[in-house]
Amino acid sequence: MKPSSKGAVVLLSGGLDSTTCLYIAAKQYGYPNQKNLPIIALSFDYSQKQKIELLKSKKIAHQLGIKHVIQKLDPSFFLGSALTDQKIKVRKNAKLDQIGVESEIPNTYVPGRNILFLSFALSLAEGHKLDTIFIGVNALDYSGYPDCRPEFIRAFQRMATIGTRAGLSRQSGIKITTPLLKLNKKQIILLGQKIGAPLHLTHSCYDPIDSKPCGKCDACLLRAKGFLEAGIDDPALV
């Protein structure tokens, strides 16, 4: 990021990836030496089953002392997803080598989620005259979602450039930054640990039981695999 960057909106779910992404942004703006970081964390309440992640995101943002916006969305926009429909079961005990490579998109995909999330982030950034958006998508250890892929980010970046006043009036416009795009879970965990991200506060489970991770969904399995490969105990489970 250019030193002249005016600040950033960071999409924060309260999960491992987004929290590491937030701390990458914070480090680039001078954390821990710099106070009053020019960062707004943006989270969404869409009546997701893993609503515990919103409590986690509040704690994570509070720890950094940054502004935190939680945008409420009507859950009727997100039909047909196991993350929002109580009648649809979240997949459990999948084989690790099948996650993200199967021909069908899994039922935990939420229709248009990152399109909407980035659109809100774009409006928030432009309104506050910030010039960067951070999103913690990665194209290696992910669950096969079409809105986590590099081609989606490139397409949205082009739209953001030609569809905003900031994009038309400045050479660079608002930049979408994806620092985790080419990293797997092991690499993300090691990076998060290195930069001091509070991994113990993060939540990754799609189908928590009494706010505790189920240990069997795709998100739990990928997280466990990442910590195992990194040779680190998951601090959220200690």
Protein backbone atom coordinates (compact mmCIF):
# COMPACT_ATOMS: atom_id res chain seq x y z
CA MET A 1 0.00 0.00 0.00
CA LYS A 2 1.19 3.48 -0.79
CA PRO A 3 2.17 5.55 2.27
CA SER A 4 -0.22 8.21 0.95
CA SER A 5 -3.21 5.87 1.27
CA LYS A 6 -6.06 7.67 3.01
CA GLY A 7 -7.35 4.62 4.84
CA ALA A 8 -9.29 1.41 4.40
CA VAL A 9 -12.49 -0.47 4.93
CA VAL A 10 -11.79 -4.05 6.02
CA LEU A 11 -14.44 -6.74 5.71
CA LEU A 12 -14.42 -8.53 9.06
CA SER A 13 -16.41 -11.70 9.70
CA GLY A 14 -14.63 -12.57 12.92
CA GLY A 15 -13.03 -15.58 11.24
CA LEU A 16 -9.42 -16.59 10.87
CA ASP A 17 -8.91 -15.14 7.40
CA SER A 18 -10.63 -11.80 7.87
CA THR A 19 -8.94 -11.21 11.22
CA THR A 20 -5.50 -11.87 9.77
CA CYS A 21 -6.42 -9.59 6.87
CA LEU A 22 -7.45 -6.85 9.32
CA TYR A 23 -4.12 -7.05 11.11
CA ILE A 24 -2.24 -6.94 7.83
CA ALA A 25 -4.04 -3.67 7.12
CA ALA A 26 -3.35 -2.41 10.64
CA LYS A 27 0.37 -3.16 10.29
CA GLN A 28 0.49 -1.28 7.00
CA TYR A 29 -0.99 1.77 8.72
CA GLY A 30 1.56 1.66 11.54
CA TYR A 31 0.11 -0.65 14.19
CA PRO A 32 1.05 -1.07 17.03
CA ASN A 33 2.94 2.23 17.20
CA GLN A 34 0.34 4.28 15.35
CA LYS A 35 -2.88 5.05 17.19
CA ASN A 36 -6.20 6.11 15.64
CA LEU A 37 -5.77 3.85 12.65
CA PRO A 38 -7.61 5.06 9.51
CA ILE A 39 -9.55 1.80 9.27
CA ILE A 40 -13.24 0.95 9.42
CA ALA A 41 -14.12 -2.70 10.05
CA LEU A 42 -17.33 -3.77 8.33
CA SER A 43 -19.35 -6.82 9.43
CA PHE A 44 -22.77 -8.11 8.44
CA ASP A 45 -25.70 -9.55 10.33
CA TYR A 46 -27.80 -11.59 7.90
CA SER A 47 -29.25 -14.00 10.49
CA GLN A 48 -26.46 -16.48 9.78
CA LYS A 49 -26.28 -19.64 11.87
CA GLN A 50 -22.76 -18.68 12.93
CA LYS A 51 -23.94 -15.39 14.45
CA ILE A 52 -21.37 -15.86 17.22
CA GLU A 53 -18.88 -14.50 14.69
CA LEU A 54 -20.39 -11.02 15.17
CA LEU A 55 -19.50 -11.07 18.86
CA LYS A 56 -16.00 -12.14 17.89
CA SER A 57 -15.68 -9.36 15.33
CA LYS A 58 -16.74 -6.79 17.94
CA LYS A 59 -13.99 -7.94 20.29
CA ILE A 60 -11.40 -7.99 17.52
CA ALA A 61 -12.25 -4.49 16.30
CA HIS A 62 -12.38 -3.17 19.88
CA GLN A 63 -8.92 -4.58 20.56
CA LEU A 64 -7.54 -2.49 17.70
CA GLY A 65 -9.52 0.57 18.75
CA ILE A 66 -11.04 1.06 15.31
CA LYS A 67 -14.52 2.01 14.16
CA HIS A 68 -16.71 -1.04 13.63
CA VAL A 69 -19.88 -1.04 11.54
CA ILE A 70 -22.31 -3.97 11.66
CA GLN A 71 -24.74 -3.79 8.75
CA LYS A 72 -28.06 -5.59 9.20
CA LEU A 73 -29.32 -7.33 6.06
CA ASP A 74 -32.72 -8.89 5.40
CA PRO A 75 -32.21 -12.69 5.48
CA SER A 76 -34.85 -13.13 2.78
CA PHE A 77 -32.16 -12.08 0.30
CA PHE A 78 -30.16 -15.20 1.13
CA LEU A 79 -32.47 -18.13 0.48
CA GLY A 80 -31.22 -21.61 -0.32
CA SER A 81 -28.10 -21.53 1.85
CA ALA A 82 -27.29 -23.88 4.71
CA LEU A 83 -25.86 -20.87 6.57
CA THR A 84 -29.21 -19.09 6.72
CA ASP A 85 -31.93 -21.73 6.34
CA GLN A 86 -32.54 -23.81 9.45
CA LYS A 87 -34.05 -26.59 7.33
CA ILE A 88 -30.89 -27.08 5.26
CA LYS A 89 -28.18 -29.09 6.97
CA VAL A 90 -24.57 -27.95 6.89
CA ARG A 91 -22.35 -30.64 5.41
CA LYS A 92 -20.31 -32.56 7.96
CA ASN A 93 -17.31 -34.92 7.82
CA ALA A 94 -16.39 -34.22 4.20
CA LYS A 95 -13.09 -35.54 2.89
CA LEU A 96 -10.51 -32.78 2.93
CA ASP A 97 -9.42 -33.47 -0.63
CA GLN A 98 -13.00 -32.89 -1.80
CA ILE A 99 -13.56 -29.50 -0.19
CA GLY A 100 -13.35 -26.79 -2.82
CA VAL A 101 -12.75 -29.12 -5.76
CA GLU A 102 -16.11 -30.81 -6.20
CA SER A 103 -18.07 -29.99 -9.35
CA GLU A 104 -21.06 -28.58 -7.48
CA ILE A 105 -20.91 -25.46 -5.33
CA PRO A 106 -21.61 -26.50 -1.70
CA ASN A 107 -24.87 -25.53 -0.02
CA THR A 108 -23.03 -23.23 2.39
CA TYR A 109 -22.62 -20.79 -0.50
CA VAL A 110 -24.67 -17.65 0.28
CA PRO A 111 -26.20 -16.12 -2.88
CA GLY A 112 -24.35 -12.97 -3.93
CA ARG A 113 -22.82 -12.49 -0.50
CA ASN A 114 -19.44 -11.05 -1.45
CA ILE A 115 -21.01 -8.99 -4.23
CA LEU A 116 -23.21 -7.29 -1.62
CA PHE A 117 -20.48 -7.12 1.02
CA LEU A 118 -18.03 -5.46 -1.36
CA SER A 119 -20.71 -3.09 -2.62
CA PHE A 120 -21.41 -1.89 0.93
CA ALA A 121 -17.66 -1.61 1.55
CA LEU A 122 -17.28 0.41 -1.63
CA SER A 123 -20.01 2.85 -0.60
CA LEU A 124 -18.57 3.14 2.89
CA ALA A 125 -15.05 3.74 1.59
CA GLU A 126 -16.11 6.33 -0.96
CA GLY A 127 -18.35 8.14 1.52
CA HIS A 128 -15.53 8.37 4.07
CA LYS A 129 -12.97 9.25 1.38
CA LEU A 130 -10.96 6.08 2.00
CA ASP A 131 -9.14 4.54 -0.94
CA THR A 132 -8.68 0.87 -0.07
CA ILE A 133 -10.86 -2.15 0.68
CA PHE A 134 -9.35 -5.26 2.28
CA ILE A 135 -11.07 -8.61 1.90
CA GLY A 136 -9.65 -11.89 3.20
CA VAL A 137 -10.63 -14.21 0.36
CA ASN A 138 -8.23 -16.97 -0.63
CA ALA A 139 -8.30 -19.20 -3.68
CA LEU A 140 -6.49 -22.24 -2.26
CA ASP A 141 -8.08 -23.47 0.98
CA TYR A 142 -11.66 -22.36 0.43
CA SER A 143 -15.02 -24.07 -0.03
CA GLY A 144 -15.50 -23.66 -3.76
CA TYR A 145 -17.38 -20.35 -3.64
CA PRO A 146 -17.41 -18.45 -6.96
CA ASP A 147 -17.15 -15.09 -5.16
CA CYS A 148 -13.78 -15.95 -3.60
CA ARG A 149 -11.96 -16.43 -6.89
CA PRO A 150 -9.38 -14.08 -8.44
CA GLU A 151 -11.50 -13.53 -11.56
CA PHE A 152 -14.39 -12.30 -9.40
CA ILE A 153 -12.15 -9.83 -7.57
CA ARG A 154 -10.72 -8.55 -10.86
CA ALA A 155 -14.21 -8.08 -12.29
CA PHE A 156 -15.44 -6.26 -9.18
CA GLN A 157 -12.36 -4.03 -9.21
CA ARG A 158 -13.12 -2.98 -12.76
CA MET A 159 -16.73 -2.27 -11.86
CA ALA A 160 -15.62 -0.24 -8.82
CA THR A 161 -13.30 1.83 -10.99
CA ILE A 162 -15.78 2.67 -13.71
CA GLY A 163 -18.85 2.88 -11.48
CA THR A 164 -17.76 5.35 -8.79
CA ARG A 165 -16.88 9.01 -8.68
CA ALA A 166 -13.66 8.08 -6.89
CA GLY A 167 -12.71 5.77 -9.72
CA LEU A 168 -13.40 8.34 -12.41
CA SER A 169 -11.81 11.28 -10.64
CA ARG A 170 -8.60 9.61 -9.46
CA GLN A 171 -6.16 7.51 -11.41
CA SER A 172 -6.27 4.62 -8.96
CA GLY A 173 -9.74 4.98 -7.48
CA ILE A 174 -10.61 2.62 -4.63
CA LYS A 175 -8.34 -0.42 -4.62
CA ILE A 176 -9.56 -3.86 -3.56
CA THR A 177 -6.71 -5.59 -1.75
CA THR A 178 -6.62 -9.37 -1.23
CA PRO A 179 -3.44 -10.15 0.74
CA LEU A 180 -4.46 -13.76 1.43
CA LEU A 181 -5.56 -14.67 -2.07
CA LYS A 182 -2.71 -17.09 -2.81
CA LEU A 183 -2.18 -18.41 0.72
CA ASN A 184 -3.44 -21.65 2.22
CA LYS A 185 -4.69 -22.01 5.80
CA LYS A 186 -1.29 -23.03 7.16
CA GLN A 187 0.32 -19.93 5.66
CA ILE A 188 -2.50 -17.68 6.89
CA ILE A 189 -2.18 -19.05 10.43
CA LEU A 190 1.58 -18.59 10.49
CA LEU A 191 1.25 -15.07 9.11
CA GLY A 192 -1.48 -14.20 11.60
CA GLN A 193 0.65 -15.44 14.46
CA LYS A 194 3.67 -13.51 13.21
CA ILE A 195 1.85 -10.17 13.03
CA GLY A 196 0.06 -10.59 16.34
CA ALA A 197 -3.48 -11.21 15.13
CA PRO A 198 -5.70 -12.45 17.99
CA LEU A 199 -6.33 -15.91 16.57
CA HIS A 200 -7.78 -16.99 19.92
CA LEU A 201 -10.72 -14.66 19.33
CA THR A 202 -11.58 -15.97 15.88
CA HIS A 203 -14.48 -18.24 14.91
CA SER A 204 -14.64 -20.36 11.77
CA CYS A 205 -17.49 -22.85 12.29
CA TYR A 206 -20.53 -22.86 9.98
CA ASP A 207 -22.79 -24.68 12.44
CA PRO A 208 -21.81 -23.90 16.04
CA ILE A 209 -23.42 -25.72 18.95
CA ASP A 210 -24.01 -23.45 21.95
CA SER A 211 -21.52 -21.00 20.38
CA LYS A 212 -18.86 -23.72 20.21
CA PRO A 213 -17.42 -25.04 16.92
CA CYS A 214 -18.95 -28.30 15.72
CA GLY A 215 -15.57 -29.64 14.59
CA LYS A 216 -17.12 -31.39 11.58
CA CYS A 217 -18.16 -28.78 9.00
CA ASP A 218 -15.95 -27.75 6.09
CA ALA A 219 -14.78 -24.60 7.88
CA CYS A 220 -13.83 -26.51 11.03
CA LEU A 221 -12.02 -29.20 9.05
CA LEU A 222 -10.00 -26.69 7.01
CA ARG A 223 -9.12 -24.74 10.14
CA ALA A 224 -8.00 -27.90 11.99
CA LYS A 225 -5.92 -28.96 8.98
CA GLY A 226 -4.25 -25.55 8.86
CA PHE A 227 -3.27 -25.55 12.52
CA LEU A 228 -2.06 -29.14 12.29
CA GLU A 229 0.15 -28.35 9.30
CA ALA A 230 1.42 -25.19 11.01
CA GLY A 231 2.38 -27.22 14.08
CA ILE A 232 0.38 -24.94 16.35
CA ASP A 233 -2.44 -25.70 18.78
CA ASP A 234 -5.60 -23.80 17.88
CA PRO A 235 -5.73 -21.08 20.58
CA ALA A 236 -9.51 -20.77 20.22
CA LEU A 237 -9.87 -24.35 21.49
CA VAL A 238 -7.46 -24.10 24.42
